[in-house]
């Protein structure tokens, strides 16, 4: 049996030892602070590195966005399922939420650190522009989200309120205009910036192109608001918008810092990810010169190289939507299996568009020029012609650097002659009568791998005119909806756990935390 005196004795020694230590510290505290400094620990950091952290943070997941807009198809279920089945997969719902708020943290820090700093006002305003980009993606995905109280954890706000999505958008438009106008080439040039090395003219075009994108979001719900914002964004006196691929906003991944968007297509489950039938059929029907650089069939899709690669257009078979492992054999074009659950449908070209070091495009000349074509077609701008903007947008998309090459930064192999031939093809040659359809079909293609933006524009414009998947076990509300498409993603389980009161209020305010609830600009037209 342990004696009670042992604890008493031990306690006495501990107390005595502590007293001795305290006396020693009190009498020998000279240079104590200096001795306890870690010489390897950073005490300050140039905020431009925080900008780069935010610049490199993104998600364009294939589990939802790519499959909703029917460019990528998945047959199997399980943890990778989502948009292929029109179901709610909570593990996948959080990707955009986590990634965007993680990117916002360093941006909020930059803005707090540099507010009022006239010397580094360019960095401050670059952070504001990137803040808008991330907040737009959050609103476009979920609706009402934390905005006014986001990033205030150090001020004791751990459960931020959710702001009204339309009010957020209005503030983002103001922020974007003010930040872009405030960029000044006479101030410090932030050469550490990853996108443009501080080039102010290109940053202004980025800001204006993003403002154009934001303005066009209102085209269905509030055309007058859309027109007003578009006029501001495209005013040449403010710096103009992106017109050529040399001005694209790009994350320049490389062999060391790999593109996470490509990872699934090159991982152990690479054989599961197929090119969707609507994408394959559109490219083939219109003899699109991009097809052989995007779509292929492999003889051994599970291997690292894929085996023999077949890029002949007539041999491609896109994977249909609405089937699973037990029903895929009912597909009229079912090509069979290499072995169980390894199907012979077309995939994405791993040697070209989904290389591990391939770039990721944030805002491109192709997207921006196609939006200009729509704005001109709607007479919201008066300069240029819709046809010229459309043709330039298509040209920039076909000749996008890196995307179709075999090497990083490689030029597009598609020639001017191929571009001209494509623009002369039936259904592709510009026509005022079908302008909105043509422009937005090309926007769908110009957003290949930028799937979140493709999803946003699909909801906004209604193009391309995709068939609903009608999966037998899809979400009940999606099944009962008039269109049969996922219109938003649901709030995360973690938010319901740590910020329950505010997320419940948000769910009620938007009309229900459902896949079918529409973002404010995604109006149901009569």
Protein backbone atom coordinates (compact mmCIF):
# COMPACT_ATOMS: atom_id res chain seq x y z
CA UNK A 1 0.00 0.00 0.00
CA UNK A 2 1.37 3.38 -0.99
CA UNK A 3 2.01 5.69 1.99
CA UNK A 4 0.21 9.01 2.11
CA UNK A 5 3.45 10.55 3.29
CA UNK A 6 5.14 9.94 -0.03
CA UNK A 7 2.91 12.52 -1.68
CA UNK A 8 3.51 14.98 1.17
CA UNK A 9 7.28 14.58 0.88
CA UNK A 10 7.21 14.83 -2.90
CA UNK A 11 5.03 17.91 -2.72
CA UNK A 12 7.48 19.57 -0.33
CA UNK A 13 10.37 18.90 -2.69
CA UNK A 14 8.43 20.22 -5.67
CA UNK A 15 7.49 23.42 -3.88
CA UNK A 16 11.05 23.92 -2.69
CA UNK A 17 12.39 23.32 -6.17
CA UNK A 18 9.97 25.81 -7.69
CA UNK A 19 10.94 28.46 -5.13
CA UNK A 20 14.60 27.88 -5.94
CA UNK A 21 13.96 28.21 -9.66
CA UNK A 22 12.01 31.42 -9.22
CA UNK A 23 14.76 32.94 -7.06
CA UNK A 24 17.34 31.91 -9.64
CA UNK A 25 15.35 33.47 -12.49
CA UNK A 26 14.78 36.66 -10.52
CA UNK A 27 18.48 37.08 -9.79
CA UNK A 28 19.79 36.00 -13.20
CA UNK A 29 17.35 37.55 -15.67
CA UNK A 30 19.97 39.57 -17.50
CA UNK A 31 19.68 38.84 -21.27
CA UNK A 32 16.99 36.24 -20.46
CA UNK A 33 14.70 37.50 -23.25
CA UNK A 34 17.50 37.41 -25.80
CA UNK A 35 18.54 33.89 -24.82
CA UNK A 36 14.98 32.60 -25.30
CA UNK A 37 14.58 33.88 -28.85
CA UNK A 38 14.50 31.26 -31.59
CA UNK A 39 16.95 32.53 -34.25
CA UNK A 40 15.23 30.39 -36.89
CA UNK A 41 11.67 31.60 -36.21
CA UNK A 42 10.24 34.31 -38.48
CA UNK A 43 9.03 37.36 -36.59
CA UNK A 44 7.89 39.25 -39.68
CA UNK A 45 6.99 38.20 -43.22
CA UNK A 46 6.61 40.20 -46.39
CA UNK A 47 2.85 40.13 -47.10
CA UNK A 48 3.50 39.50 -50.80
CA UNK A 49 4.16 35.86 -49.82
CA UNK A 50 0.67 35.75 -48.35
CA UNK A 51 -0.64 37.00 -51.69
CA UNK A 52 1.11 34.14 -53.47
CA UNK A 53 -0.41 31.66 -51.02
CA UNK A 54 -3.87 32.94 -51.93
CA UNK A 55 -3.06 33.07 -55.64
CA UNK A 56 -2.14 29.37 -55.64
CA UNK A 57 -5.23 28.20 -53.75
CA UNK A 58 -8.22 26.97 -55.77
CA UNK A 59 -10.56 24.06 -56.37
CA UNK A 60 -12.53 23.07 -59.47
CA UNK A 61 -13.58 19.61 -58.40
CA UNK A 62 -14.64 16.99 -60.87
CA UNK A 63 -16.92 15.29 -58.32
CA UNK A 64 -19.58 17.94 -58.82
CA UNK A 65 -18.96 20.84 -61.18
CA UNK A 66 -17.43 18.81 -64.03
CA UNK A 67 -20.22 16.27 -63.92
CA UNK A 68 -23.11 18.69 -63.51
CA UNK A 69 -22.06 20.45 -66.72
CA UNK A 70 -21.44 17.05 -68.34
CA UNK A 71 -17.82 17.29 -69.36
CA UNK A 72 -16.63 14.53 -67.02
CA UNK A 73 -18.49 11.31 -66.15
CA UNK A 74 -18.10 8.73 -63.41
CA UNK A 75 -19.81 5.34 -63.38
CA UNK A 76 -18.85 4.11 -59.94
CA UNK A 77 -20.45 5.26 -56.68
CA UNK A 78 -18.96 5.51 -53.21
CA UNK A 79 -16.95 8.43 -51.86
CA UNK A 80 -16.22 9.86 -55.32
CA UNK A 81 -19.88 10.10 -56.28
CA UNK A 82 -21.73 13.39 -56.48
CA UNK A 83 -22.71 15.17 -59.66
CA UNK A 84 -22.80 11.94 -61.65
CA UNK A 85 -25.79 10.79 -59.59
CA UNK A 86 -27.32 14.15 -58.59
CA UNK A 87 -26.86 13.21 -54.96
CA UNK A 88 -25.64 14.96 -51.84
CA UNK A 89 -22.17 13.75 -50.84
CA UNK A 90 -21.23 15.67 -47.70
CA UNK A 91 -17.54 14.76 -48.01
CA UNK A 92 -17.43 16.57 -51.35
CA UNK A 93 -19.66 19.50 -50.36
CA UNK A 94 -16.92 21.10 -48.29
CA UNK A 95 -14.17 21.43 -50.90
CA UNK A 96 -15.09 24.88 -52.23
CA UNK A 97 -15.95 26.13 -48.72
CA UNK A 98 -12.65 25.09 -47.15
CA UNK A 99 -10.45 26.09 -50.07
CA UNK A 100 -11.96 29.54 -50.55
CA UNK A 101 -11.93 30.49 -46.87
CA UNK A 102 -8.36 29.19 -46.57
CA UNK A 103 -7.40 31.50 -49.43
CA UNK A 104 -9.22 34.41 -47.79
CA UNK A 105 -7.26 34.18 -44.53
CA UNK A 106 -3.97 35.55 -45.92
CA UNK A 107 -5.88 38.12 -47.97
CA UNK A 108 -7.65 39.47 -44.88
CA UNK A 109 -4.29 39.61 -43.15
CA UNK A 110 -2.74 41.59 -46.01
CA UNK A 111 -5.62 44.03 -46.01
CA UNK A 112 -5.42 44.52 -42.25
CA UNK A 113 -1.63 44.94 -42.31
CA UNK A 114 -1.48 47.33 -45.27
CA UNK A 115 -4.62 49.38 -44.78
CA UNK A 116 -3.56 53.03 -45.10
CA UNK A 117 -0.07 52.08 -46.34
CA UNK A 118 0.31 54.34 -49.37
CA UNK A 119 3.63 52.86 -50.43
CA UNK A 120 2.25 49.35 -50.86
CA UNK A 121 -1.26 50.22 -51.94
CA UNK A 122 -0.93 48.02 -55.02
CA UNK A 123 -0.50 44.90 -52.90
CA UNK A 124 -3.44 45.95 -50.75
CA UNK A 125 -5.66 46.32 -53.82
CA UNK A 126 -4.45 43.09 -55.40
CA UNK A 127 -5.59 41.36 -52.21
CA UNK A 128 -8.99 43.04 -52.54
CA UNK A 129 -9.37 41.75 -56.11
CA UNK A 130 -8.52 38.21 -55.05
CA UNK A 131 -10.91 38.53 -52.13
CA UNK A 132 -13.69 39.28 -54.60
CA UNK A 133 -12.77 36.26 -56.74
CA UNK A 134 -12.95 33.90 -53.76
CA UNK A 135 -16.12 35.43 -52.32
CA UNK A 136 -17.84 35.24 -55.70
CA UNK A 137 -17.09 31.53 -55.86
CA UNK A 138 -18.49 31.01 -52.36
CA UNK A 139 -21.72 32.88 -53.09
CA UNK A 140 -22.06 31.20 -56.50
CA UNK A 141 -21.74 27.81 -54.82
CA UNK A 142 -23.69 28.15 -51.56
CA UNK A 143 -25.71 31.40 -51.55
CA UNK A 144 -25.65 33.25 -48.21
CA UNK A 145 -22.22 32.88 -46.60
CA UNK A 146 -20.13 34.61 -43.89
CA UNK A 147 -18.78 37.86 -45.32
CA UNK A 148 -18.91 40.90 -43.02
CA UNK A 149 -17.65 38.86 -40.05
CA UNK A 150 -15.43 36.44 -41.98
CA UNK A 151 -11.79 36.38 -40.88
CA UNK A 152 -12.43 38.02 -37.51
CA UNK A 153 -11.37 35.12 -35.30
CA UNK A 154 -8.58 37.16 -33.70
CA UNK A 155 -11.21 39.67 -32.69
CA UNK A 156 -13.19 36.97 -30.91
CA UNK A 157 -15.80 36.30 -33.61
CA UNK A 158 -15.72 32.54 -34.00
CA UNK A 159 -19.30 32.07 -35.19
CA UNK A 160 -19.79 34.60 -38.00
CA UNK A 161 -23.21 35.56 -39.27
CA UNK A 162 -24.19 34.70 -42.83
CA UNK A 163 -24.77 37.72 -45.04
CA UNK A 164 -27.40 38.03 -47.75
CA UNK A 165 -25.93 36.85 -51.04
CA UNK A 166 -27.29 39.72 -53.12
CA UNK A 167 -25.94 42.27 -50.65
CA UNK A 168 -22.55 40.54 -50.78
CA UNK A 169 -22.54 40.73 -54.57
CA UNK A 170 -23.37 44.43 -54.53
CA UNK A 171 -20.47 45.08 -52.17
CA UNK A 172 -18.14 42.91 -54.26
CA UNK A 173 -18.91 45.01 -57.33
CA UNK A 174 -18.00 48.17 -55.41
CA UNK A 175 -14.83 46.59 -53.99
CA UNK A 176 -13.72 45.40 -57.40
CA UNK A 177 -14.23 48.75 -59.09
CA UNK A 178 -12.49 50.68 -56.31
CA UNK A 179 -9.56 48.25 -56.04
CA UNK A 180 -8.98 48.16 -59.79
CA UNK A 181 -9.13 51.95 -60.09
CA UNK A 182 -6.72 52.34 -57.15
CA UNK A 183 -3.95 50.27 -58.76
CA UNK A 184 -1.14 52.70 -59.57
CA UNK A 185 1.96 52.04 -61.67
CA UNK A 186 3.81 54.89 -59.91
CA UNK A 187 3.63 53.03 -56.58
CA UNK A 188 5.76 50.04 -55.48
CA UNK A 189 5.61 47.21 -58.04
CA UNK A 190 5.13 43.87 -56.29
CA UNK A 191 7.44 41.68 -58.34
CA UNK A 192 6.82 38.74 -55.99
CA UNK A 193 3.25 38.45 -57.33
CA UNK A 194 2.84 35.04 -58.99
CA UNK A 195 0.34 36.00 -61.70
CA UNK A 196 1.92 39.03 -63.36
CA UNK A 197 4.99 39.95 -61.28
CA UNK A 198 3.24 43.14 -60.31
CA UNK A 199 2.37 44.34 -63.84
CA UNK A 200 -0.29 46.96 -63.05
CA UNK A 201 -1.78 47.06 -66.55
CA UNK A 202 -2.44 43.31 -66.44
CA UNK A 203 -3.85 43.49 -62.92
CA UNK A 204 -6.27 46.18 -64.07
CA UNK A 205 -7.40 43.93 -66.91
CA UNK A 206 -7.83 41.09 -64.42
CA UNK A 207 -9.97 43.30 -62.16
CA UNK A 208 -12.07 44.61 -65.05
CA UNK A 209 -12.54 41.15 -66.57
CA UNK A 210 -13.68 39.82 -63.20
CA UNK A 211 -16.07 42.77 -62.90
CA UNK A 212 -17.42 41.94 -66.36
CA UNK A 213 -17.97 38.34 -65.22
CA UNK A 214 -19.72 39.56 -62.07
CA UNK A 215 -21.92 41.94 -64.05
CA UNK A 216 -22.95 39.25 -66.52
CA UNK A 217 -24.14 37.09 -63.62
CA UNK A 218 -27.12 39.50 -63.38
CA UNK A 219 -28.12 39.05 -67.05
CA UNK A 220 -31.08 36.81 -66.23
CA UNK A 221 -32.24 38.28 -62.92
CA UNK A 222 -31.53 42.01 -63.30
CA UNK A 223 -30.56 42.97 -66.87
CA UNK A 224 -30.40 46.68 -66.04
CA UNK A 225 -27.91 46.02 -63.23
CA UNK A 226 -25.93 43.78 -65.56
CA UNK A 227 -25.74 46.48 -68.21
CA UNK A 228 -24.67 49.12 -65.70
CA UNK A 229 -21.82 47.00 -64.29
CA UNK A 230 -20.72 45.81 -67.74
CA UNK A 231 -20.42 49.40 -68.97
CA UNK A 232 -18.12 50.23 -66.05
CA UNK A 233 -16.05 47.06 -66.48
CA UNK A 234 -15.48 47.62 -70.20
CA UNK A 235 -14.74 51.34 -70.08
CA UNK A 236 -11.35 51.57 -71.86
CA UNK A 237 -10.39 54.56 -69.72
CA UNK A 238 -10.23 52.19 -66.72
CA UNK A 239 -7.69 49.88 -68.36
CA UNK A 240 -9.79 47.54 -70.47
CA UNK A 241 -10.34 43.78 -70.22
CA UNK A 242 -8.28 40.74 -71.14
CA UNK A 243 -8.04 40.33 -74.92
CA UNK A 244 -5.15 37.92 -75.58
CA UNK A 245 -3.70 34.79 -73.99
CA UNK A 246 -0.63 36.72 -72.86
CA UNK A 247 -2.91 38.43 -70.30
CA UNK A 248 -4.54 35.27 -68.89
CA UNK A 249 -4.64 34.80 -65.12
CA UNK A 250 -2.80 31.52 -64.59
CA UNK A 251 -1.51 29.34 -61.77
CA UNK A 252 1.75 28.13 -63.37
CA UNK A 253 2.07 24.66 -61.87
CA UNK A 254 5.23 22.70 -62.58
CA UNK A 255 6.94 19.38 -61.91
CA UNK A 256 7.49 20.28 -58.26
CA UNK A 257 4.22 22.05 -57.48
CA UNK A 258 1.71 19.80 -59.24
CA UNK A 259 -1.72 20.71 -60.49
CA UNK A 260 -4.24 19.16 -58.04
CA UNK A 261 -6.92 19.30 -60.73
CA UNK A 262 -4.98 16.70 -62.72
CA UNK A 263 -4.27 14.43 -59.77
CA UNK A 264 -7.43 12.31 -60.05
CA UNK A 265 -6.78 11.65 -63.73
CA UNK A 266 -3.30 10.36 -62.94
CA UNK A 267 -3.89 8.63 -59.60
CA UNK A 268 -4.71 5.03 -58.76
CA UNK A 269 -8.34 5.62 -59.76
CA UNK A 270 -7.50 7.31 -63.07
CA UNK A 271 -9.41 4.67 -65.04
CA UNK A 272 -12.68 5.77 -63.39
CA UNK A 273 -12.77 9.29 -64.86
CA UNK A 274 -14.28 9.45 -68.33
CA UNK A 275 -15.04 12.13 -70.88
CA UNK A 276 -18.79 12.82 -70.98
CA UNK A 277 -20.81 11.95 -74.05
CA UNK A 278 -22.16 15.50 -74.59
CA UNK A 279 -18.59 16.83 -74.67
CA UNK A 280 -17.30 14.09 -76.97
CA UNK A 281 -20.27 14.38 -79.32
CA UNK A 282 -20.06 18.19 -79.53
CA UNK A 283 -16.35 18.12 -80.33
CA UNK A 284 -16.74 15.37 -82.94
CA UNK A 285 -19.87 16.71 -84.64
CA UNK A 286 -18.26 20.10 -85.11
CA UNK A 287 -14.85 18.72 -86.10
CA UNK A 288 -13.29 20.70 -83.27
CA UNK A 289 -9.47 20.78 -83.64
CA UNK A 290 -9.12 20.54 -79.84
CA UNK A 291 -10.64 17.08 -79.74
CA UNK A 292 -7.53 14.96 -80.23
CA UNK A 293 -5.69 16.95 -77.57
CA UNK A 294 -8.50 16.56 -75.03
CA UNK A 295 -10.14 13.19 -75.70
CA UNK A 296 -8.63 9.75 -76.27
CA UNK A 297 -9.07 6.05 -75.59
CA UNK A 298 -6.39 4.02 -73.83
CA UNK A 299 -5.67 0.32 -74.33
CA UNK A 300 -4.61 0.02 -70.69
CA UNK A 301 -6.19 2.88 -68.73
CA UNK A 302 -4.97 1.57 -65.37
CA UNK A 303 -1.29 1.80 -66.32
CA UNK A 304 0.83 4.92 -65.90
CA UNK A 305 1.09 5.54 -69.65
CA UNK A 306 -2.37 4.25 -70.54
CA UNK A 307 -0.88 1.89 -73.08
CA UNK A 308 -1.67 2.63 -76.71
CA UNK A 309 -3.43 5.95 -77.20
CA UNK A 310 -6.18 6.40 -79.79
CA UNK A 311 -7.13 10.00 -80.59
CA UNK A 312 -9.14 9.34 -83.77
CA UNK A 313 -12.40 11.22 -83.39
CA UNK A 314 -14.63 8.56 -84.93
CA UNK A 315 -13.36 6.00 -82.42
CA UNK A 316 -14.28 7.98 -79.30
CA UNK A 317 -17.21 6.93 -77.13
CA UNK A 318 -18.25 9.40 -74.47
CA UNK A 319 -19.53 8.09 -71.18
CA UNK A 320 -23.28 8.68 -70.64
CA UNK A 321 -24.84 10.14 -67.49
CA UNK A 322 -27.52 8.52 -65.36
CA UNK A 323 -26.02 5.04 -65.21
CA UNK A 324 -24.18 3.14 -62.48
CA UNK A 325 -22.25 -0.14 -62.35
CA UNK A 326 -25.43 -2.21 -62.44
CA UNK A 327 -27.09 -0.39 -65.36
CA UNK A 328 -24.27 0.86 -67.58
CA UNK A 329 -24.62 -2.21 -69.81
CA UNK A 330 -27.97 -0.77 -70.92
CA UNK A 331 -26.20 2.10 -72.67
CA UNK A 332 -26.88 1.59 -76.42
CA UNK A 333 -23.22 2.47 -77.14
CA UNK A 334 -21.77 0.40 -74.29
CA UNK A 335 -18.20 -0.50 -75.38
CA UNK A 336 -17.54 -3.20 -72.78
CA UNK A 337 -14.88 -3.59 -70.10
CA UNK A 338 -11.18 -4.32 -70.00
CA UNK A 339 -12.01 -6.08 -66.75
CA UNK A 340 -14.52 -5.59 -63.97
CA UNK A 341 -15.29 -1.89 -63.49
CA UNK A 342 -12.61 -0.78 -65.96
CA UNK A 343 -14.59 0.50 -68.92
CA UNK A 344 -13.65 1.21 -72.52
CA UNK A 345 -15.13 4.70 -72.68
CA UNK A 346 -13.02 7.69 -73.74
CA UNK A 347 -10.91 9.53 -71.20
CA UNK A 348 -8.90 12.74 -71.02
CA UNK A 349 -5.54 12.94 -72.73
CA UNK A 350 -2.97 12.57 -69.93
CA UNK A 351 -0.12 13.48 -72.26
CA UNK A 352 -1.76 16.81 -73.10
CA UNK A 353 -4.54 18.57 -71.20
CA UNK A 354 -4.27 16.87 -67.80
CA UNK A 355 -0.52 16.63 -67.36
CA UNK A 356 0.51 16.84 -63.71
CA UNK A 357 2.46 20.07 -64.34
CA UNK A 358 -0.22 21.69 -66.47
CA UNK A 359 -1.33 25.23 -65.75
CA UNK A 360 -4.65 26.12 -64.20
CA UNK A 361 -6.53 29.07 -65.69
CA UNK A 362 -8.42 31.51 -63.44
CA UNK A 363 -9.67 34.08 -65.98
CA UNK A 364 -8.84 33.83 -69.68
CA UNK A 365 -9.02 35.90 -72.82
CA UNK A 366 -11.37 33.34 -74.36
CA UNK A 367 -13.88 33.59 -71.51
CA UNK A 368 -13.66 37.37 -71.36
CA UNK A 369 -14.02 37.91 -75.10
CA UNK A 370 -17.02 35.59 -75.24
CA UNK A 371 -18.67 37.58 -72.45
CA UNK A 372 -17.92 40.72 -74.46
CA UNK A 373 -19.61 39.07 -77.46
CA UNK A 374 -22.73 38.45 -75.40
CA UNK A 375 -22.68 41.96 -73.94
CA UNK A 376 -22.39 43.41 -77.46
CA UNK A 377 -25.12 41.11 -78.74
CA UNK A 378 -27.37 42.47 -75.98
CA UNK A 379 -26.32 46.05 -76.90
CA UNK A 380 -24.92 46.65 -73.42
CA UNK A 381 -21.70 47.86 -75.05
CA UNK A 382 -21.41 49.73 -78.33
CA UNK A 383 -17.78 49.21 -79.35
CA UNK A 384 -16.76 46.43 -81.73
CA UNK A 385 -19.07 43.72 -83.07
CA UNK A 386 -20.41 40.60 -81.40
CA UNK A 387 -18.97 38.56 -84.28
CA UNK A 388 -15.46 39.94 -83.77
CA UNK A 389 -15.53 39.34 -80.01
CA UNK A 390 -16.90 35.82 -80.57
CA UNK A 391 -14.28 34.91 -83.14
CA UNK A 392 -11.45 36.28 -81.02
CA UNK A 393 -12.78 34.34 -78.03
CA UNK A 394 -12.84 31.10 -80.00
CA UNK A 395 -9.37 31.77 -81.42
CA UNK A 396 -7.90 32.40 -77.96
CA UNK A 397 -9.54 29.20 -76.68
CA UNK A 398 -8.16 27.09 -79.53
CA UNK A 399 -4.69 28.57 -79.21
CA UNK A 400 -4.50 28.48 -75.42
CA UNK A 401 -0.87 27.89 -74.39
CA UNK A 402 0.07 24.84 -72.29
CA UNK A 403 -3.39 23.21 -72.47
CA UNK A 404 -2.91 21.21 -75.69
CA UNK A 405 0.88 20.97 -75.67
CA UNK A 406 3.05 18.08 -74.51
CA UNK A 407 5.37 20.36 -72.56
CA UNK A 408 4.81 22.98 -69.89
CA UNK A 409 4.16 26.44 -71.37
CA UNK A 410 4.12 24.92 -74.85
CA UNK A 411 2.32 26.77 -77.61
CA UNK A 412 -0.95 25.39 -78.91
CA UNK A 413 -0.44 23.14 -81.95
CA UNK A 414 -3.66 24.47 -83.50
CA UNK A 415 -2.82 26.72 -86.46
CA UNK A 416 -4.49 29.89 -87.71
CA UNK A 417 -5.73 27.87 -90.69
CA UNK A 418 -7.44 25.37 -88.40
CA UNK A 419 -8.99 28.21 -86.44
CA UNK A 420 -10.38 29.78 -89.63
CA UNK A 421 -11.75 26.44 -90.84
CA UNK A 422 -13.46 25.83 -87.50
CA UNK A 423 -15.03 29.28 -87.44
CA UNK A 424 -16.49 28.60 -90.90
CA UNK A 425 -18.16 25.33 -89.92
CA UNK A 426 -21.94 24.97 -89.71
CA UNK A 427 -23.19 25.67 -86.15
CA UNK A 428 -19.91 27.43 -85.36
CA UNK A 429 -19.98 30.29 -87.89
CA UNK A 430 -21.42 33.28 -86.04
CA UNK A 431 -25.08 34.11 -86.61
CA UNK A 432 -27.01 36.94 -84.96
CA UNK A 433 -30.07 34.67 -84.85
CA UNK A 434 -28.36 32.08 -82.65
CA UNK A 435 -25.74 34.29 -81.04
CA UNK A 436 -26.48 33.59 -77.36
CA UNK A 437 -26.54 29.84 -77.95
CA UNK A 438 -23.27 29.84 -79.90
CA UNK A 439 -21.46 32.19 -77.54
CA UNK A 440 -22.34 30.20 -74.44
CA UNK A 441 -21.64 26.82 -76.00
CA UNK A 442 -18.16 28.10 -76.76
CA UNK A 443 -17.92 29.46 -73.21
CA UNK A 444 -18.69 25.93 -71.97
CA UNK A 445 -15.74 24.67 -74.01
CA UNK A 446 -13.51 27.59 -73.01
CA UNK A 447 -14.08 26.60 -69.36
CA UNK A 448 -12.80 23.05 -69.82
CA UNK A 449 -11.06 22.20 -66.50
CA UNK A 450 -12.37 25.50 -65.06
CA UNK A 451 -15.52 23.60 -64.21
CA UNK A 452 -16.91 25.84 -61.49
CA UNK A 453 -17.08 28.77 -63.89
CA UNK A 454 -18.65 26.52 -66.54
CA UNK A 455 -21.34 25.53 -64.00
CA UNK A 456 -22.00 29.17 -63.09
CA UNK A 457 -22.39 30.18 -66.72
CA UNK A 458 -24.58 27.16 -67.47
CA UNK A 459 -26.97 28.20 -64.69
CA UNK A 460 -26.89 31.82 -65.83
CA UNK A 461 -27.29 31.31 -69.57
CA UNK A 462 -29.04 27.94 -69.91
CA UNK A 463 -26.40 26.79 -72.41
CA UNK A 464 -25.40 24.28 -73.52
CA UNK A 465 -28.84 22.67 -73.59
CA UNK A 466 -28.01 19.49 -71.70
CA UNK A 467 -30.36 16.62 -71.02
CA UNK A 468 -31.21 15.84 -67.40
CA UNK A 469 -29.61 12.62 -66.17
CA UNK A 470 -32.73 11.13 -64.50
CA UNK A 471 -30.73 8.76 -62.32
CA UNK A 472 -33.12 6.41 -60.55
CA UNK A 473 -31.68 7.16 -57.08
CA UNK A 474 -30.98 10.86 -57.47
CA UNK A 475 -31.90 13.44 -54.85
CA UNK A 476 -35.69 13.57 -54.53
CA UNK A 477 -35.89 17.33 -54.94
CA UNK A 478 -33.63 17.31 -57.98
CA UNK A 479 -35.79 14.57 -59.46
CA UNK A 480 -38.96 16.58 -58.80
CA UNK A 481 -37.52 19.85 -60.18
CA UNK A 482 -38.46 21.14 -63.61
CA UNK A 483 -34.92 21.00 -64.99
CA UNK A 484 -33.29 18.12 -63.07
CA UNK A 485 -29.96 19.84 -62.34
CA UNK A 486 -28.05 20.68 -59.17
CA UNK A 487 -28.30 24.46 -58.72
CA UNK A 488 -26.10 24.85 -55.61
CA UNK A 489 -24.13 22.81 -53.10
CA UNK A 490 -25.21 22.40 -49.48
CA UNK A 491 -23.60 23.85 -46.37
CA UNK A 492 -20.95 21.73 -44.72
CA UNK A 493 -21.51 19.35 -41.82
CA UNK A 494 -18.83 21.19 -39.87
CA UNK A 495 -20.75 24.46 -40.12
CA UNK A 496 -23.81 22.74 -38.67
CA UNK A 497 -21.58 21.49 -35.87
CA UNK A 498 -19.71 24.68 -34.91
CA UNK A 499 -21.96 27.50 -36.19
CA UNK A 500 -25.37 25.87 -36.00
CA UNK A 501 -27.52 28.90 -35.18
CA UNK A 502 -26.18 31.03 -38.02
CA UNK A 503 -26.17 28.30 -40.65
CA UNK A 504 -29.75 27.38 -39.78
CA UNK A 505 -30.77 31.02 -40.22
CA UNK A 506 -29.00 31.10 -43.57
CA UNK A 507 -30.71 27.91 -44.74
CA UNK A 508 -34.10 29.40 -43.88
CA UNK A 509 -33.27 32.73 -45.54
CA UNK A 510 -32.35 31.17 -48.90
CA UNK A 511 -35.38 28.87 -48.98
CA UNK A 512 -33.79 25.67 -47.75
CA UNK A 513 -30.37 24.07 -47.73
CA UNK A 514 -31.08 21.99 -50.83
CA UNK A 515 -29.31 21.09 -54.05
CA UNK A 516 -32.20 22.70 -55.93
CA UNK A 517 -32.21 26.06 -54.12
CA UNK A 518 -31.18 28.75 -56.58
CA UNK A 519 -28.58 31.48 -56.16
CA UNK A 520 -30.21 34.92 -56.47
CA UNK A 521 -28.96 35.53 -60.01
CA UNK A 522 -30.14 32.07 -61.16
CA UNK A 523 -33.74 33.18 -61.69
CA UNK A 524 -36.37 30.82 -63.06
CA UNK A 525 -37.52 32.49 -66.25
CA UNK A 526 -41.22 32.41 -67.22
